[in-house]
PDB file of all heavy atoms in Angstrom:
ATOM      1  N   GLY A   1     -19.220  26.498 -41.801  1.00  0.00           N
ATOM      2  CA  GLY A   1     -18.777  25.853 -43.154  1.00  0.00           C
ATOM      3  C   GLY A   1     -19.942  25.332 -43.907  1.00  0.00           C
ATOM      4  O   GLY A   1     -19.855  24.507 -44.855  1.00  0.00           O
ATOM      5  N   ILE A   2     -21.313  25.731 -43.554  1.00  0.00           N
ATOM      6  CA  ILE A   2     -22.477  25.351 -44.374  1.00  0.00           C
ATOM      7  C   ILE A   2     -22.941  26.608 -45.005  1.00  0.00           C
ATOM      8  O   ILE A   2     -23.299  27.593 -44.434  1.00  0.00           O
ATOM      9  CB  ILE A   2     -23.416  24.747 -43.523  1.00  0.00           C
ATOM     10  CG1 ILE A   2     -22.865  23.517 -42.745  1.00  0.00           C
ATOM     11  CG2 ILE A   2     -24.726  24.455 -44.166  1.00  0.00           C
ATOM     12  CD1 ILE A   2     -23.793  22.964 -41.671  1.00  0.00           C
ATOM     13  N   ARG A   3     -23.058  26.586 -46.343  1.00  0.00           N
ATOM     14  CA  ARG A   3     -23.555  27.705 -47.083  1.00  0.00           C
ATOM     15  C   ARG A   3     -24.108  27.356 -48.335  1.00  0.00           C
ATOM     16  O   ARG A   3     -23.498  26.523 -49.064  1.00  0.00           O
ATOM     17  CB  ARG A   3     -22.506  28.720 -47.233  1.00  0.00           C
ATOM     18  CG  ARG A   3     -22.865  30.171 -47.645  1.00  0.00           C
ATOM     19  CD  ARG A   3     -23.513  30.921 -46.409  1.00  0.00           C
ATOM     20  NE  ARG A   3     -23.719  32.249 -46.753  1.00  0.00           N
ATOM     21  CZ  ARG A   3     -24.637  32.861 -46.251  1.00  0.00           C
ATOM     22  NH1 ARG A   3     -25.400  32.451 -45.213  1.00  0.00           N
ATOM     23  NH2 ARG A   3     -24.894  34.254 -46.419  1.00  0.00           N
ATOM     24  N   LYS A   4     -25.345  27.774 -48.814  1.00  0.00           N
ATOM     25  CA  LYS A   4     -25.820  27.645 -50.040  1.00  0.00           C
ATOM     26  C   LYS A   4     -25.003  28.301 -51.104  1.00  0.00           C
ATOM     27  O   LYS A   4     -24.446  29.304 -50.906  1.00  0.00           O
ATOM     28  CB  LYS A   4     -27.279  28.103 -50.130  1.00  0.00           C
ATOM     29  CG  LYS A   4     -28.234  27.352 -49.316  1.00  0.00           C
ATOM     30  CD  LYS A   4     -29.644  27.844 -49.504  1.00  0.00           C
ATOM     31  CE  LYS A   4     -30.551  27.033 -48.594  1.00  0.00           C
ATOM     32  NZ  LYS A   4     -32.017  27.646 -48.662  1.00  0.00           N
ATOM     33  N   ARG A   5     -24.893  27.706 -52.327  1.00  0.00           N
ATOM     34  CA  ARG A   5     -24.086  28.300 -53.431  1.00  0.00           C
ATOM     35  C   ARG A   5     -24.613  29.683 -53.729  1.00  0.00           C
ATOM     36  O   ARG A   5     -23.831  30.628 -53.920  1.00  0.00           O
ATOM     37  CB  ARG A   5     -24.132  27.510 -54.582  1.00  0.00           C
ATOM     38  CG  ARG A   5     -23.130  28.078 -55.859  1.00  0.00           C
ATOM     39  CD  ARG A   5     -23.180  27.138 -56.946  1.00  0.00           C
ATOM     40  NE  ARG A   5     -22.740  25.607 -56.468  1.00  0.00           N
ATOM     41  CZ  ARG A   5     -21.448  25.244 -56.748  1.00  0.00           C
ATOM     42  NH1 ARG A   5     -20.682  25.995 -57.347  1.00  0.00           N
ATOM     43  NH2 ARG A   5     -21.084  23.980 -56.338  1.00  0.00           N
ATOM     44  N   LYS A   6     -25.879  29.925 -53.845  1.00  0.00           N
ATOM     45  CA  LYS A   6     -26.535  31.147 -54.209  1.00  0.00           C
ATOM     46  C   LYS A   6     -26.082  32.214 -53.140  1.00  0.00           C
ATOM     47  O   LYS A   6     -25.708  33.412 -53.366  1.00  0.00           O
ATOM     48  CB  LYS A   6     -27.979  31.000 -54.138  1.00  0.00           C
ATOM     49  CG  LYS A   6     -28.716  32.417 -54.560  1.00  0.00           C
ATOM     50  CD  LYS A   6     -30.206  32.197 -54.442  1.00  0.00           C
ATOM     51  CE  LYS A   6     -30.909  33.588 -54.640  1.00  0.00           C
ATOM     52  NZ  LYS A   6     -30.516  34.705 -53.747  1.00  0.00           N
ATOM     53  N   ASP A   7     -26.228  31.932 -51.834  1.00  0.00           N
ATOM     54  CA  ASP A   7     -25.899  32.772 -50.801  1.00  0.00           C
ATOM     55  C   ASP A   7     -24.275  33.143 -50.738  1.00  0.00           C
ATOM     56  O   ASP A   7     -24.075  34.360 -50.557  1.00  0.00           O
ATOM     57  CB  ASP A   7     -26.113  32.113 -49.319  1.00  0.00           C
ATOM     58  CG  ASP A   7     -27.742  32.082 -49.153  1.00  0.00           C
ATOM     59  OD1 ASP A   7     -28.436  32.850 -49.906  1.00  0.00           O
ATOM     60  OD2 ASP A   7     -28.091  31.038 -48.389  1.00  0.00           O
ATOM     61  N   TYR A   8     -23.576  32.210 -51.174  1.00  0.00           N
ATOM     62  CA  TYR A   8     -22.048  32.400 -51.230  1.00  0.00           C
ATOM     63  C   TYR A   8     -21.873  33.473 -52.523  1.00  0.00           C
ATOM     64  O   TYR A   8     -21.136  34.373 -52.202  1.00  0.00           O
ATOM     65  CB  TYR A   8     -21.368  31.122 -51.605  1.00  0.00           C
ATOM     66  CG  TYR A   8     -19.929  31.455 -51.991  1.00  0.00           C
ATOM     67  CD1 TYR A   8     -19.007  31.729 -51.164  1.00  0.00           C
ATOM     68  CD2 TYR A   8     -19.554  31.341 -53.401  1.00  0.00           C
ATOM     69  CE1 TYR A   8     -17.695  31.998 -51.494  1.00  0.00           C
ATOM     70  CE2 TYR A   8     -18.250  31.543 -53.870  1.00  0.00           C
ATOM     71  CZ  TYR A   8     -17.373  31.881 -52.777  1.00  0.00           C
ATOM     72  OH  TYR A   8     -16.076  32.194 -53.168  1.00  0.00           O
ATOM     73  N   HIS A   9     -22.468  33.282 -53.621  1.00  0.00           N
ATOM     74  CA  HIS A   9     -22.301  34.309 -54.583  1.00  0.00           C
ATOM     75  C   HIS A   9     -22.879  35.656 -54.233  1.00  0.00           C
ATOM     76  O   HIS A   9     -22.320  36.679 -54.512  1.00  0.00           O
ATOM     77  CB  HIS A   9     -22.992  33.741 -55.958  1.00  0.00           C
ATOM     78  CG  HIS A   9     -22.222  32.646 -56.473  1.00  0.00           C
ATOM     79  ND1 HIS A   9     -20.913  32.689 -56.924  1.00  0.00           N
ATOM     80  CD2 HIS A   9     -22.557  31.403 -56.744  1.00  0.00           C
ATOM     81  CE1 HIS A   9     -20.623  31.587 -57.472  1.00  0.00           C
ATOM     82  NE2 HIS A   9     -21.472  30.606 -57.304  1.00  0.00           N
ATOM     83  N   ASP A  10     -23.968  35.628 -53.552  1.00  0.00           N
ATOM     84  CA  ASP A  10     -24.581  36.972 -53.159  1.00  0.00           C
ATOM     85  C   ASP A  10     -23.562  37.696 -52.174  1.00  0.00           C
ATOM     86  O   ASP A  10     -23.280  38.842 -52.205  1.00  0.00           O
ATOM     87  CB  ASP A  10     -25.900  36.780 -52.382  1.00  0.00           C
ATOM     88  CG  ASP A  10     -26.990  36.362 -53.422  1.00  0.00           C
ATOM     89  OD1 ASP A  10     -26.832  36.479 -54.589  1.00  0.00           O
ATOM     90  OD2 ASP A  10     -27.997  35.791 -52.824  1.00  0.00           O
ATOM     91  N   ASP A  11     -23.062  36.904 -51.191  1.00  0.00           N
ATOM     92  CA  ASP A  11     -22.046  37.428 -50.291  1.00  0.00           C
ATOM     93  C   ASP A  11     -20.762  37.940 -51.006  1.00  0.00           C
ATOM     94  O   ASP A  11     -20.287  39.068 -50.712  1.00  0.00           O
ATOM     95  CB  ASP A  11     -21.604  36.404 -49.267  1.00  0.00           C
ATOM     96  CG  ASP A  11     -22.604  36.082 -48.329  1.00  0.00           C
ATOM     97  OD1 ASP A  11     -23.689  36.890 -48.174  1.00  0.00           O
ATOM     98  OD2 ASP A  11     -22.634  35.086 -47.627  1.00  0.00           O
ATOM     99  N   ALA A  12     -20.314  37.101 -52.054  1.00  0.00           N
ATOM    100  CA  ALA A  12     -19.183  37.468 -52.668  1.00  0.00           C
ATOM    101  C   ALA A  12     -19.327  38.892 -53.444  1.00  0.00           C
ATOM    102  O   ALA A  12     -18.374  39.534 -53.616  1.00  0.00           O
ATOM    103  CB  ALA A  12     -18.710  36.378 -53.628  1.00  0.00           C
ATOM    104  N   SER A  13     -20.524  39.094 -53.873  1.00  0.00           N
ATOM    105  CA  SER A  13     -20.704  40.293 -54.660  1.00  0.00           C
ATOM    106  C   SER A  13     -21.026  41.603 -53.813  1.00  0.00           C
ATOM    107  O   SER A  13     -21.016  42.664 -54.228  1.00  0.00           O
ATOM    108  CB  SER A  13     -21.762  40.121 -55.587  1.00  0.00           C
ATOM    109  OG  SER A  13     -22.989  39.784 -54.987  1.00  0.00           O
ATOM    110  N   SER A  14     -21.500  41.194 -52.502  1.00  0.00           N
ATOM    111  CA  SER A  14     -22.040  42.498 -51.710  1.00  0.00           C
ATOM    112  C   SER A  14     -21.118  42.674 -50.497  1.00  0.00           C
ATOM    113  O   SER A  14     -21.341  43.769 -49.842  1.00  0.00           O
ATOM    114  CB  SER A  14     -23.393  42.081 -51.214  1.00  0.00           C
ATOM    115  OG  SER A  14     -23.361  40.991 -50.383  1.00  0.00           O
ATOM    116  N   LEU A  15     -20.253  41.862 -50.004  1.00  0.00           N
ATOM    117  CA  LEU A  15     -19.588  42.037 -48.933  1.00  0.00           C
ATOM    118  C   LEU A  15     -18.199  42.830 -49.140  1.00  0.00           C
ATOM    119  O   LEU A  15     -17.477  42.547 -50.181  1.00  0.00           O
ATOM    120  CB  LEU A  15     -19.073  40.684 -48.180  1.00  0.00           C
ATOM    121  CG  LEU A  15     -20.240  40.056 -47.591  1.00  0.00           C
ATOM    122  CD1 LEU A  15     -19.836  38.605 -47.104  1.00  0.00           C
ATOM    123  CD2 LEU A  15     -21.015  40.733 -46.480  1.00  0.00           C
ATOM    124  N   ASP A  16     -17.733  43.694 -48.286  1.00  0.00           N
ATOM    125  CA  ASP A  16     -16.503  44.404 -48.369  1.00  0.00           C
ATOM    126  C   ASP A  16     -15.468  43.568 -47.768  1.00  0.00           C
ATOM    127  O   ASP A  16     -15.474  43.117 -46.650  1.00  0.00           O
ATOM    128  CB  ASP A  16     -16.596  45.772 -47.627  1.00  0.00           C
ATOM    129  CG  ASP A  16     -15.443  46.625 -47.499  1.00  0.00           C
ATOM    130  OD1 ASP A  16     -14.704  46.384 -48.630  1.00  0.00           O
ATOM    131  OD2 ASP A  16     -15.340  47.403 -46.766  1.00  0.00           O
ATOM    132  N   PRO A  17     -14.484  43.238 -48.471  1.00  0.00           N
ATOM    133  CA  PRO A  17     -13.370  42.343 -47.995  1.00  0.00           C
ATOM    134  C   PRO A  17     -12.657  42.877 -46.609  1.00  0.00           C
ATOM    135  O   PRO A  17     -12.362  41.979 -45.848  1.00  0.00           O
ATOM    136  CB  PRO A  17     -12.335  42.328 -49.089  1.00  0.00           C
ATOM    137  CG  PRO A  17     -13.035  42.686 -50.304  1.00  0.00           C
ATOM    138  CD  PRO A  17     -14.164  43.737 -49.986  1.00  0.00           C
ATOM    139  N   LYS A  18     -12.550  44.136 -46.437  1.00  0.00           N
ATOM    140  CA  LYS A  18     -11.942  44.677 -45.317  1.00  0.00           C
ATOM    141  C   LYS A  18     -12.839  44.335 -44.050  1.00  0.00           C
ATOM    142  O   LYS A  18     -12.485  44.047 -42.973  1.00  0.00           O
ATOM    143  CB  LYS A  18     -11.685  46.238 -45.329  1.00  0.00           C
ATOM    144  CG  LYS A  18     -10.590  46.477 -46.428  1.00  0.00           C
ATOM    145  CD  LYS A  18     -10.497  48.032 -46.629  1.00  0.00           C
ATOM    146  CE  LYS A  18      -9.617  48.254 -47.645  1.00  0.00           C
ATOM    147  NZ  LYS A  18      -9.561  49.656 -48.031  1.00  0.00           N
ATOM    148  N   ALA A  19     -14.138  44.509 -44.254  1.00  0.00           N
ATOM    149  CA  ALA A  19     -15.135  44.215 -43.206  1.00  0.00           C
ATOM    150  C   ALA A  19     -15.173  42.846 -42.831  1.00  0.00           C
ATOM    151  O   ALA A  19     -15.285  42.423 -41.733  1.00  0.00           O
ATOM    152  CB  ALA A  19     -16.543  44.704 -43.602  1.00  0.00           C
ATOM    153  N   VAL A  20     -15.061  42.001 -43.831  1.00  0.00           N
ATOM    154  CA  VAL A  20     -14.998  40.437 -43.540  1.00  0.00           C
ATOM    155  C   VAL A  20     -13.854  40.067 -42.829  1.00  0.00           C
ATOM    156  O   VAL A  20     -14.016  39.292 -41.890  1.00  0.00           O
ATOM    157  CB  VAL A  20     -15.160  39.733 -44.896  1.00  0.00           C
ATOM    158  CG1 VAL A  20     -14.885  38.270 -44.725  1.00  0.00           C
ATOM    159  CG2 VAL A  20     -16.428  39.899 -45.591  1.00  0.00           C
ATOM    160  N   ILE A  21     -12.672  40.631 -43.094  1.00  0.00           N
ATOM    161  CA  ILE A  21     -11.492  40.355 -42.391  1.00  0.00           C
ATOM    162  C   ILE A  21     -11.536  40.835 -40.967  1.00  0.00           C
ATOM    163  O   ILE A  21     -11.268  40.107 -40.011  1.00  0.00           O
ATOM    164  CB  ILE A  21     -10.154  41.083 -43.094  1.00  0.00           C
ATOM    165  CG1 ILE A  21      -9.960  40.388 -44.444  1.00  0.00           C
ATOM    166  CG2 ILE A  21      -8.974  41.026 -42.179  1.00  0.00           C
ATOM    167  CD1 ILE A  21      -8.989  41.018 -45.188  1.00  0.00           C
ATOM    168  N   VAL A  22     -12.072  42.036 -40.758  1.00  0.00           N
ATOM    169  CA  VAL A  22     -12.221  42.606 -39.325  1.00  0.00           C
ATOM    170  C   VAL A  22     -13.226  41.646 -38.576  1.00  0.00           C
ATOM    171  O   VAL A  22     -13.040  41.161 -37.482  1.00  0.00           O
ATOM    172  CB  VAL A  22     -12.815  44.057 -39.388  1.00  0.00           C
ATOM    173  CG1 VAL A  22     -13.161  44.517 -37.998  1.00  0.00           C
ATOM    174  CG2 VAL A  22     -11.577  44.914 -39.919  1.00  0.00           C
ATOM    175  N   ALA A  23     -14.435  41.351 -39.256  1.00  0.00           N
ATOM    176  CA  ALA A  23     -15.361  40.438 -38.516  1.00  0.00           C
ATOM    177  C   ALA A  23     -14.822  39.053 -38.261  1.00  0.00           C
ATOM    178  O   ALA A  23     -15.050  38.449 -37.238  1.00  0.00           O
ATOM    179  CB  ALA A  23     -16.610  40.339 -39.397  1.00  0.00           C
ATOM    180  N   GLY A  24     -14.004  38.642 -39.256  1.00  0.00           N
ATOM    181  CA  GLY A  24     -13.378  37.210 -38.974  1.00  0.00           C
ATOM    182  C   GLY A  24     -12.333  37.238 -37.846  1.00  0.00           C
ATOM    183  O   GLY A  24     -12.401  36.265 -37.053  1.00  0.00           O
ATOM    184  N   VAL A  25     -11.616  38.278 -37.732  1.00  0.00           N
ATOM    185  CA  VAL A  25     -10.516  38.247 -36.749  1.00  0.00           C
ATOM    186  C   VAL A  25     -11.256  38.545 -35.267  1.00  0.00           C
ATOM    187  O   VAL A  25     -10.950  37.899 -34.357  1.00  0.00           O
ATOM    188  CB  VAL A  25      -9.578  39.496 -36.898  1.00  0.00           C
ATOM    189  CG1 VAL A  25      -8.773  39.771 -35.687  1.00  0.00           C
ATOM    190  CG2 VAL A  25      -8.701  39.156 -38.016  1.00  0.00           C
ATOM    191  N   LEU A  26     -12.362  39.351 -35.257  1.00  0.00           N
ATOM    192  CA  LEU A  26     -13.099  39.475 -33.981  1.00  0.00           C
ATOM    193  C   LEU A  26     -13.835  38.256 -33.783  1.00  0.00           C
ATOM    194  O   LEU A  26     -13.794  37.862 -32.407  1.00  0.00           O
ATOM    195  CB  LEU A  26     -14.091  40.717 -34.197  1.00  0.00           C
ATOM    196  CG  LEU A  26     -13.421  42.024 -34.199  1.00  0.00           C
ATOM    197  CD1 LEU A  26     -14.584  43.147 -34.461  1.00  0.00           C
ATOM    198  CD2 LEU A  26     -12.732  42.433 -32.930  1.00  0.00           C
ATOM    199  N   GLY A  27     -14.446  37.531 -34.614  1.00  0.00           N
ATOM    200  CA  GLY A  27     -15.097  36.293 -34.366  1.00  0.00           C
ATOM    201  C   GLY A  27     -14.152  35.265 -33.857  1.00  0.00           C
ATOM    202  O   GLY A  27     -14.574  34.548 -32.949  1.00  0.00           O
ATOM    203  N   GLY A  28     -13.061  35.258 -34.524  1.00  0.00           N
ATOM    204  CA  GLY A  28     -12.000  34.085 -34.092  1.00  0.00           C
ATOM    205  C   GLY A  28     -11.466  34.531 -32.739  1.00  0.00           C
ATOM    206  O   GLY A  28     -11.324  33.564 -31.783  1.00  0.00           O
TER     207      GLY A  28
END
């Protein structure tokens, strides 16, 4: 839950939503 605003915007523009969902489910 800790993230810099710039890093958040970089992630939002470069991450694939499907990959984030898969990584989130696996991480959970």
